Amino acid sequence: TAPVAGKYRVSSLVVSGNNAWSTASQVMYAVLYKNGSAVQNGPIDTSRVAATFRMNAVLNTSINLLAGEYIDVRIFQSMTASVYNSAQHVYVVIEKAGN
């Protein structure tokens, strides 16, 4: 929740575990929500072959908020992947960037 009005910078990353995908064309991506509504998608990471590897959901953007408005980042995937459990592979940073 924004304590004061202004522009906020949002950076997030979620890396899947090292999973064995049985088919190509699996997807993983991040979506920024403002006050419960989707406002921006991050790039879609798509598997190109059936193999074992990690996928990423990344989001880097800026958004204007009024005091009291809230944002959250949600991750979507088409597979049943675990999340790589470490601070450098799973994070969300939200910081005030200006007025």
N, C-alpha and C. Protein backbone atom coordinates (compact mmCIF):
# COMPACT_ATOMS: atom_id res chain seq x y z
N THR A 1 0.84 -1.18 0.00
CA THR A 1 0.00 0.00 0.00
C THR A 1 0.89 1.24 0.00
N ALA A 2 0.62 2.16 -0.90
CA ALA A 2 1.43 3.38 -1.01
C ALA A 2 1.14 4.30 0.18
N PRO A 3 2.17 4.66 0.94
CA PRO A 3 1.96 5.57 2.05
C PRO A 3 1.72 7.01 1.59
N VAL A 4 2.31 7.38 0.44
CA VAL A 4 2.13 8.71 -0.14
C VAL A 4 2.01 8.57 -1.65
N ALA A 5 1.40 9.56 -2.29
CA ALA A 5 1.26 9.54 -3.75
C ALA A 5 2.61 9.71 -4.41
N GLY A 6 2.76 9.12 -5.59
CA GLY A 6 4.00 9.28 -6.35
C GLY A 6 4.22 8.14 -7.31
N LYS A 7 5.39 8.17 -7.93
CA LYS A 7 5.79 7.11 -8.86
C LYS A 7 6.59 6.08 -8.07
N TYR A 8 6.28 4.80 -8.30
CA TYR A 8 6.96 3.70 -7.63
C TYR A 8 7.58 2.77 -8.67
N ARG A 9 8.77 2.30 -8.37
CA ARG A 9 9.48 1.36 -9.23
C ARG A 9 9.26 -0.05 -8.66
N VAL A 10 8.92 -0.99 -9.54
CA VAL A 10 8.66 -2.37 -9.14
C VAL A 10 9.62 -3.28 -9.90
N SER A 11 10.35 -4.10 -9.17
CA SER A 11 11.25 -5.10 -9.78
C SER A 11 10.97 -6.43 -9.10
N SER A 12 10.79 -7.47 -9.90
CA SER A 12 10.55 -8.78 -9.30
C SER A 12 11.16 -9.87 -10.18
N LEU A 13 11.47 -10.98 -9.52
CA LEU A 13 12.01 -12.15 -10.20
C LEU A 13 11.57 -13.39 -9.45
N VAL A 14 11.09 -14.38 -10.17
CA VAL A 14 10.83 -15.71 -9.61
C VAL A 14 11.42 -16.70 -10.60
N VAL A 15 12.26 -17.59 -10.11
CA VAL A 15 12.87 -18.63 -10.93
C VAL A 15 12.27 -19.96 -10.53
N SER A 16 11.85 -20.74 -11.51
CA SER A 16 11.30 -22.06 -11.20
C SER A 16 12.43 -22.99 -10.78
N GLY A 17 12.06 -24.07 -10.12
CA GLY A 17 13.04 -25.10 -9.81
C GLY A 17 13.52 -25.75 -11.10
N ASN A 18 14.51 -26.59 -11.00
CA ASN A 18 15.05 -27.29 -12.16
C ASN A 18 14.11 -28.45 -12.49
N ASN A 19 13.11 -28.17 -13.31
CA ASN A 19 12.04 -29.13 -13.58
C ASN A 19 12.20 -29.80 -14.93
N ALA A 20 11.71 -31.01 -15.02
CA ALA A 20 11.70 -31.74 -16.29
C ALA A 20 10.36 -31.48 -16.97
N TRP A 21 10.37 -30.73 -18.06
CA TRP A 21 9.14 -30.42 -18.80
C TRP A 21 8.90 -31.55 -19.79
N SER A 22 7.71 -32.07 -19.80
CA SER A 22 7.39 -33.19 -20.69
C SER A 22 7.05 -32.72 -22.10
N THR A 23 6.72 -31.44 -22.24
CA THR A 23 6.38 -30.91 -23.55
C THR A 23 6.97 -29.51 -23.72
N ALA A 24 7.11 -29.07 -24.94
CA ALA A 24 7.53 -27.70 -25.23
C ALA A 24 6.36 -26.75 -25.02
N SER A 25 6.59 -25.49 -25.13
CA SER A 25 5.57 -24.43 -25.06
C SER A 25 4.96 -24.26 -23.69
N GLN A 26 5.69 -24.57 -22.63
CA GLN A 26 5.26 -24.23 -21.27
C GLN A 26 5.58 -22.75 -21.07
N VAL A 27 4.78 -22.02 -20.27
CA VAL A 27 5.02 -20.59 -20.08
C VAL A 27 5.06 -20.23 -18.60
N MET A 28 5.76 -19.13 -18.30
CA MET A 28 5.82 -18.57 -16.96
C MET A 28 6.00 -17.06 -17.10
N TYR A 29 5.20 -16.27 -16.35
CA TYR A 29 5.32 -14.81 -16.44
C TYR A 29 4.75 -14.16 -15.18
N ALA A 30 5.12 -12.90 -14.98
CA ALA A 30 4.66 -12.11 -13.84
C ALA A 30 3.65 -11.07 -14.32
N VAL A 31 2.70 -10.74 -13.45
CA VAL A 31 1.70 -9.71 -13.76
C VAL A 31 1.61 -8.75 -12.58
N LEU A 32 1.65 -7.45 -12.87
CA LEU A 32 1.48 -6.42 -11.84
C LEU A 32 -0.01 -6.09 -11.71
N TYR A 33 -0.49 -6.13 -10.48
CA TYR A 33 -1.88 -5.78 -10.17
C TYR A 33 -1.90 -4.49 -9.37
N LYS A 34 -2.87 -3.63 -9.68
CA LYS A 34 -3.08 -2.38 -8.94
C LYS A 34 -4.52 -2.39 -8.44
N ASN A 35 -4.70 -2.30 -7.13
CA ASN A 35 -6.04 -2.32 -6.52
C ASN A 35 -6.87 -3.51 -7.00
N GLY A 36 -6.20 -4.66 -7.19
CA GLY A 36 -6.89 -5.89 -7.56
C GLY A 36 -7.09 -6.14 -9.05
N SER A 37 -6.65 -5.20 -9.91
CA SER A 37 -6.81 -5.37 -11.36
C SER A 37 -5.46 -5.44 -12.05
N ALA A 38 -5.33 -6.35 -13.02
CA ALA A 38 -4.09 -6.48 -13.77
C ALA A 38 -3.83 -5.22 -14.58
N VAL A 39 -2.60 -4.69 -14.49
CA VAL A 39 -2.26 -3.49 -15.23
C VAL A 39 -1.06 -3.67 -16.16
N GLN A 40 -0.22 -4.68 -15.90
CA GLN A 40 0.93 -4.88 -16.79
C GLN A 40 1.48 -6.30 -16.66
N ASN A 41 1.75 -6.91 -17.82
CA ASN A 41 2.39 -8.23 -17.85
C ASN A 41 3.88 -8.06 -18.06
N GLY A 42 4.65 -8.93 -17.43
CA GLY A 42 6.07 -9.03 -17.73
C GLY A 42 6.23 -9.89 -18.98
N PRO A 43 7.46 -10.02 -19.47
CA PRO A 43 7.69 -10.86 -20.64
C PRO A 43 7.36 -12.32 -20.34
N ILE A 44 6.91 -13.03 -21.34
CA ILE A 44 6.55 -14.44 -21.18
C ILE A 44 7.76 -15.30 -21.51
N ASP A 45 8.17 -16.14 -20.55
CA ASP A 45 9.25 -17.09 -20.77
C ASP A 45 8.61 -18.39 -21.26
N THR A 46 8.99 -18.84 -22.44
CA THR A 46 8.39 -20.02 -23.05
C THR A 46 9.44 -21.10 -23.28
N SER A 47 9.15 -22.32 -22.85
CA SER A 47 10.06 -23.43 -23.13
C SER A 47 9.95 -23.78 -24.60
N ARG A 48 11.07 -24.12 -25.19
CA ARG A 48 11.08 -24.42 -26.61
C ARG A 48 11.21 -25.92 -26.91
N VAL A 49 11.62 -26.68 -25.91
CA VAL A 49 11.78 -28.13 -26.08
C VAL A 49 11.38 -28.83 -24.79
N ALA A 50 11.13 -30.11 -24.89
CA ALA A 50 10.92 -30.92 -23.69
C ALA A 50 12.30 -31.23 -23.13
N ALA A 51 12.59 -30.76 -21.92
CA ALA A 51 13.92 -30.92 -21.33
C ALA A 51 13.84 -30.56 -19.85
N THR A 52 15.00 -30.56 -19.19
CA THR A 52 15.08 -30.17 -17.79
C THR A 52 15.82 -28.84 -17.69
N PHE A 53 15.16 -27.81 -17.16
CA PHE A 53 15.77 -26.49 -17.01
C PHE A 53 14.89 -25.61 -16.14
N ARG A 54 15.36 -24.41 -15.86
CA ARG A 54 14.61 -23.44 -15.07
C ARG A 54 13.94 -22.42 -16.00
N MET A 55 12.83 -21.83 -15.50
CA MET A 55 12.18 -20.75 -16.24
C MET A 55 12.09 -19.54 -15.32
N ASN A 56 11.91 -18.34 -15.90
CA ASN A 56 11.90 -17.09 -15.14
C ASN A 56 10.62 -16.31 -15.36
N ALA A 57 10.17 -15.67 -14.29
CA ALA A 57 9.10 -14.68 -14.38
C ALA A 57 9.69 -13.36 -13.88
N VAL A 58 9.83 -12.39 -14.77
CA VAL A 58 10.50 -11.13 -14.47
C VAL A 58 9.54 -9.97 -14.71
N LEU A 59 9.64 -8.95 -13.88
CA LEU A 59 8.84 -7.74 -14.09
C LEU A 59 9.66 -6.55 -13.60
N ASN A 60 9.86 -5.56 -14.46
CA ASN A 60 10.54 -4.32 -14.11
C ASN A 60 9.76 -3.18 -14.73
N THR A 61 9.17 -2.33 -13.88
CA THR A 61 8.32 -1.26 -14.40
C THR A 61 8.19 -0.14 -13.37
N SER A 62 7.54 0.94 -13.76
CA SER A 62 7.18 2.03 -12.85
C SER A 62 5.68 2.24 -12.93
N ILE A 63 5.10 2.70 -11.83
CA ILE A 63 3.66 2.92 -11.79
C ILE A 63 3.35 4.09 -10.88
N ASN A 64 2.37 4.91 -11.25
CA ASN A 64 1.92 6.02 -10.41
C ASN A 64 0.84 5.51 -9.46
N LEU A 65 0.99 5.85 -8.19
CA LEU A 65 0.02 5.45 -7.16
C LEU A 65 -0.41 6.66 -6.35
N LEU A 66 -1.66 6.66 -5.94
CA LEU A 66 -2.16 7.62 -4.97
C LEU A 66 -1.97 7.02 -3.59
N ALA A 67 -1.92 7.86 -2.58
CA ALA A 67 -1.82 7.35 -1.20
C ALA A 67 -2.99 6.41 -0.94
N GLY A 68 -2.69 5.23 -0.40
CA GLY A 68 -3.73 4.24 -0.10
C GLY A 68 -3.96 3.21 -1.18
N GLU A 69 -3.48 3.45 -2.41
CA GLU A 69 -3.60 2.43 -3.45
C GLU A 69 -2.58 1.33 -3.18
N TYR A 70 -2.87 0.11 -3.67
CA TYR A 70 -1.95 -1.00 -3.41
C TYR A 70 -1.63 -1.74 -4.69
N ILE A 71 -0.48 -2.36 -4.70
CA ILE A 71 -0.06 -3.18 -5.82
C ILE A 71 0.45 -4.53 -5.31
N ASP A 72 0.39 -5.51 -6.19
CA ASP A 72 1.00 -6.81 -5.90
C ASP A 72 1.43 -7.44 -7.21
N VAL A 73 2.38 -8.36 -7.11
CA VAL A 73 2.89 -9.08 -8.27
C VAL A 73 2.46 -10.54 -8.13
N ARG A 74 1.89 -11.08 -9.21
CA ARG A 74 1.44 -12.48 -9.21
C ARG A 74 2.17 -13.22 -10.33
N ILE A 75 2.47 -14.47 -10.07
CA ILE A 75 3.18 -15.31 -11.03
C ILE A 75 2.21 -16.33 -11.61
N PHE A 76 2.26 -16.48 -12.93
CA PHE A 76 1.42 -17.46 -13.62
C PHE A 76 2.32 -18.41 -14.39
N GLN A 77 1.91 -19.67 -14.44
CA GLN A 77 2.65 -20.68 -15.19
C GLN A 77 1.69 -21.73 -15.71
N SER A 78 2.08 -22.36 -16.82
CA SER A 78 1.21 -23.38 -17.42
C SER A 78 1.61 -24.78 -16.99
N MET A 79 2.61 -24.88 -16.12
CA MET A 79 3.07 -26.18 -15.67
C MET A 79 2.99 -26.24 -14.15
N THR A 80 3.32 -27.34 -13.58
CA THR A 80 3.33 -27.46 -12.12
C THR A 80 4.79 -27.43 -11.66
N ALA A 81 5.38 -26.25 -11.67
CA ALA A 81 6.79 -26.09 -11.32
C ALA A 81 6.93 -25.65 -9.88
N SER A 82 7.97 -26.13 -9.26
CA SER A 82 8.33 -25.62 -7.94
C SER A 82 9.08 -24.31 -8.12
N VAL A 83 9.28 -23.57 -7.04
CA VAL A 83 10.02 -22.31 -7.07
C VAL A 83 11.40 -22.55 -6.49
N TYR A 84 12.41 -22.00 -7.15
CA TYR A 84 13.78 -22.09 -6.66
C TYR A 84 13.83 -21.28 -5.38
N ASN A 85 14.12 -21.92 -4.27
CA ASN A 85 13.99 -21.31 -2.95
C ASN A 85 15.29 -20.64 -2.49
N SER A 86 15.52 -19.41 -2.94
CA SER A 86 16.64 -18.62 -2.45
C SER A 86 16.33 -17.14 -2.69
N ALA A 87 16.88 -16.28 -1.85
CA ALA A 87 16.59 -14.85 -1.92
C ALA A 87 17.03 -14.24 -3.25
N GLN A 88 18.07 -14.76 -3.87
CA GLN A 88 18.53 -14.19 -5.13
C GLN A 88 17.69 -14.66 -6.32
N HIS A 89 16.87 -15.67 -6.13
CA HIS A 89 16.04 -16.20 -7.20
C HIS A 89 14.55 -15.92 -7.02
N VAL A 90 14.17 -15.37 -5.87
CA VAL A 90 12.77 -15.01 -5.62
C VAL A 90 12.78 -13.69 -4.85
N TYR A 91 12.34 -12.62 -5.52
CA TYR A 91 12.27 -11.34 -4.81
C TYR A 91 11.30 -10.37 -5.47
N VAL A 92 10.83 -9.42 -4.69
CA VAL A 92 10.04 -8.29 -5.17
C VAL A 92 10.58 -7.06 -4.45
N VAL A 93 10.92 -6.02 -5.22
CA VAL A 93 11.38 -4.75 -4.66
C VAL A 93 10.44 -3.67 -5.15
N ILE A 94 9.88 -2.90 -4.22
CA ILE A 94 9.01 -1.77 -4.56
C ILE A 94 9.57 -0.55 -3.85
N GLU A 95 9.94 0.46 -4.62
CA GLU A 95 10.53 1.65 -4.02
C GLU A 95 9.98 2.91 -4.67
N LYS A 96 9.87 3.96 -3.88
CA LYS A 96 9.39 5.24 -4.39
C LYS A 96 10.44 5.82 -5.30
N ALA A 97 10.03 6.21 -6.52
CA ALA A 97 10.98 6.68 -7.53
C ALA A 97 10.84 8.16 -7.83
N GLY A 98 9.82 8.81 -7.34
CA GLY A 98 9.62 10.23 -7.64
C GLY A 98 8.20 10.66 -7.31
N ASN A 99 7.88 11.92 -7.67
CA ASN A 99 6.55 12.48 -7.36
C ASN A 99 5.54 12.13 -8.42
